[in-house]
Amino acid sequence: MAKPMQLGHTNIRVSNLARSEAFYTEAIGLEVVSRRENGVNLSAREHSQEIVLREITSNDREQDIKSVGANHLAWEMATFDDLQEICDQLVSQGIELKWTRSNSYSVGVYFNDPDGNSNEVYFEDVVAFRRRPEEGEYHRQLVGVSS
């Protein structure tokens, strides 16, 4: 049975990105590792992120605007094959895989727990992360998992 190595990161919806970024960098000591249009990735370690801050704006879906706070828990898998295996396990247990995301160094799959809390299982290729950029798709595709 495949299982996560660790909780890899949490994604938090915030009402004021600058204020939240200042808190996590100045009070907690995290470093900015990358930025997106309405978000920032912060880390205490060498690669990727432990916290993703995403600012909610008036352009977001109504349900997102009302949901400042935790967005999802992200469980890091040791290998891409482990990610495939856990996806197969989730499907075999009747758990609906909601959507997937991919960039040049990682692949993630999202699903809900029984109370509707969002979870992600993902694999991150540290070597590909160091090469940058984030744009594009990861070079491997999950089998039997649709976006």
Protein backbone atom coordinates (compact mmCIF):
# COMPACT_ATOMS: atom_id res chain seq x y z
CA MET A 1 0.00 0.00 0.00
CA ALA A 2 1.38 3.40 -0.99
CA LYS A 3 1.33 6.14 1.62
CA PRO A 4 2.61 9.72 1.77
CA MET A 5 6.08 10.55 3.08
CA GLN A 6 4.83 13.67 4.83
CA LEU A 7 2.44 16.57 4.72
CA GLY A 8 4.23 18.56 2.03
CA HIS A 9 2.44 21.91 2.07
CA THR A 10 -0.76 23.67 2.89
CA ASN A 11 -2.53 26.12 0.60
CA ILE A 12 -4.17 29.06 2.35
CA ARG A 13 -6.64 31.53 0.87
CA VAL A 14 -5.92 35.03 2.20
CA SER A 15 -7.73 38.34 2.00
CA ASN A 16 -4.55 40.45 1.79
CA LEU A 17 -1.52 38.82 0.17
CA ALA A 18 1.02 41.50 1.17
CA ARG A 19 -0.04 41.35 4.83
CA SER A 20 0.08 37.55 4.92
CA GLU A 21 3.40 37.40 3.09
CA ALA A 22 4.88 39.86 5.59
CA PHE A 23 3.63 37.76 8.51
CA TYR A 24 5.08 34.49 7.22
CA THR A 25 8.40 36.02 6.11
CA GLU A 26 8.98 38.46 8.97
CA ALA A 27 7.34 36.71 11.93
CA ILE A 28 7.97 33.09 10.96
CA GLY A 29 11.13 33.52 8.87
CA LEU A 30 10.01 31.72 5.71
CA GLU A 31 11.52 32.70 2.37
CA VAL A 32 9.71 33.47 -0.87
CA VAL A 33 10.60 30.78 -3.43
CA SER A 34 8.28 31.84 -6.25
CA ARG A 35 5.37 34.09 -7.08
CA ARG A 36 2.25 33.74 -9.16
CA GLU A 37 -0.29 36.29 -10.34
CA ASN A 38 -2.26 36.25 -7.08
CA GLY A 39 -0.08 34.11 -4.85
CA VAL A 40 3.27 33.38 -3.32
CA ASN A 41 5.06 30.16 -2.37
CA LEU A 42 7.00 30.24 0.90
CA SER A 43 9.51 27.78 2.31
CA ALA A 44 11.73 27.05 5.27
CA ARG A 45 13.72 24.47 3.29
CA GLU A 46 15.67 24.20 0.06
CA HIS A 47 12.94 23.47 -2.46
CA SER A 48 9.33 24.11 -3.31
CA GLN A 49 7.12 25.31 -0.49
CA GLU A 50 5.46 24.49 2.81
CA ILE A 51 2.88 27.25 2.49
CA VAL A 52 1.15 28.57 -0.59
CA LEU A 53 -0.70 31.86 -0.05
CA ARG A 54 -3.37 32.72 -2.61
CA GLU A 55 -5.16 36.05 -2.43
CA ILE A 56 -8.91 35.93 -2.91
CA THR A 57 -10.16 38.72 -5.14
CA SER A 58 -13.55 39.87 -6.36
CA ASN A 59 -12.86 37.97 -9.60
CA ASP A 60 -12.82 34.60 -7.80
CA ARG A 61 -15.74 32.21 -7.64
CA GLU A 62 -18.28 33.12 -4.95
CA GLN A 63 -17.48 30.00 -2.92
CA ASP A 64 -13.76 30.95 -2.88
CA ILE A 65 -14.50 34.52 -1.76
CA LYS A 66 -16.38 33.13 1.25
CA SER A 67 -13.61 30.65 2.05
CA VAL A 68 -10.65 32.60 3.40
CA GLY A 69 -8.59 30.01 5.30
CA ALA A 70 -7.18 26.59 4.54
CA ASN A 71 -7.69 25.46 0.95
CA HIS A 72 -6.22 21.95 1.02
CA LEU A 73 -3.76 19.59 2.69
CA ALA A 74 -1.05 18.37 0.33
CA TRP A 75 0.47 14.93 0.94
CA GLU A 76 3.88 14.41 -0.68
CA MET A 77 4.60 11.05 -2.28
CA ALA A 78 8.17 9.67 -2.49
CA THR A 79 7.98 8.73 -6.18
CA PHE A 80 5.79 9.24 -9.22
CA ASP A 81 4.96 5.52 -9.11
CA ASP A 82 3.75 5.94 -5.50
CA LEU A 83 1.51 8.78 -6.70
CA GLN A 84 0.04 6.49 -9.35
CA GLU A 85 -0.47 3.74 -6.78
CA ILE A 86 -2.24 5.95 -4.24
CA CYS A 87 -4.50 7.34 -6.99
CA ASP A 88 -5.43 3.77 -7.90
CA GLN A 89 -6.09 3.02 -4.21
CA LEU A 90 -8.34 6.06 -3.81
CA VAL A 91 -10.37 5.16 -6.90
CA SER A 92 -10.69 1.53 -5.75
CA GLN A 93 -12.14 2.81 -2.46
CA GLY A 94 -14.76 4.84 -4.32
CA ILE A 95 -13.14 8.21 -3.68
CA GLU A 96 -13.73 10.67 -6.51
CA LEU A 97 -10.61 12.35 -7.87
CA LYS A 98 -11.78 15.92 -8.43
CA TRP A 99 -9.01 17.31 -10.63
CA THR A 100 -5.31 17.21 -11.40
CA ARG A 101 -2.62 19.81 -11.90
CA SER A 102 0.80 19.57 -13.46
CA ASN A 103 3.77 21.84 -13.97
CA SER A 104 7.33 21.25 -15.13
CA TYR A 105 8.40 19.60 -11.86
CA SER A 106 5.30 18.15 -10.14
CA VAL A 107 1.92 16.49 -10.53
CA GLY A 108 -0.95 16.69 -8.03
CA VAL A 109 -4.34 15.05 -7.71
CA TYR A 110 -7.17 16.51 -5.59
CA PHE A 111 -9.97 14.79 -3.68
CA ASN A 112 -12.17 15.44 -0.65
CA ASP A 113 -12.30 13.76 2.73
CA PRO A 114 -15.73 12.64 4.03
CA ASP A 115 -16.38 16.13 5.46
CA GLY A 116 -15.57 17.85 2.18
CA ASN A 117 -12.09 19.06 3.16
CA SER A 118 -9.84 19.19 0.12
CA ASN A 119 -6.71 17.02 -0.01
CA GLU A 120 -3.97 16.66 -2.59
CA VAL A 121 -1.52 13.83 -3.19
CA TYR A 122 1.47 14.90 -5.25
CA PHE A 123 4.94 14.04 -6.46
CA GLU A 124 7.62 16.68 -6.81
CA ASP A 125 10.80 16.12 -8.83
CA VAL A 126 13.45 18.15 -6.96
CA VAL A 127 15.94 18.00 -9.84
CA ALA A 128 13.34 19.38 -12.27
CA PHE A 129 12.39 22.03 -9.68
CA ARG A 130 15.95 23.33 -9.60
CA ARG A 131 15.98 23.70 -13.40
CA ARG A 132 12.89 25.93 -13.45
CA PRO A 133 10.72 27.37 -14.93
CA GLU A 134 7.35 26.26 -13.57
CA GLU A 135 5.53 26.52 -16.91
CA GLY A 136 4.68 23.42 -18.88
CA GLU A 137 3.62 19.92 -17.93
CA TYR A 138 5.49 17.21 -16.06
CA HIS A 139 7.08 14.68 -18.44
CA ARG A 140 5.10 11.72 -17.05
CA GLN A 141 1.32 11.28 -17.07
CA LEU A 142 -0.87 9.41 -14.60
CA VAL A 143 -2.75 6.47 -16.08
CA GLY A 144 -6.52 6.32 -15.55
CA VAL A 145 -6.66 9.74 -13.89
CA SER A 146 -8.45 12.49 -15.78
CA SER A 147 -8.03 16.21 -15.23
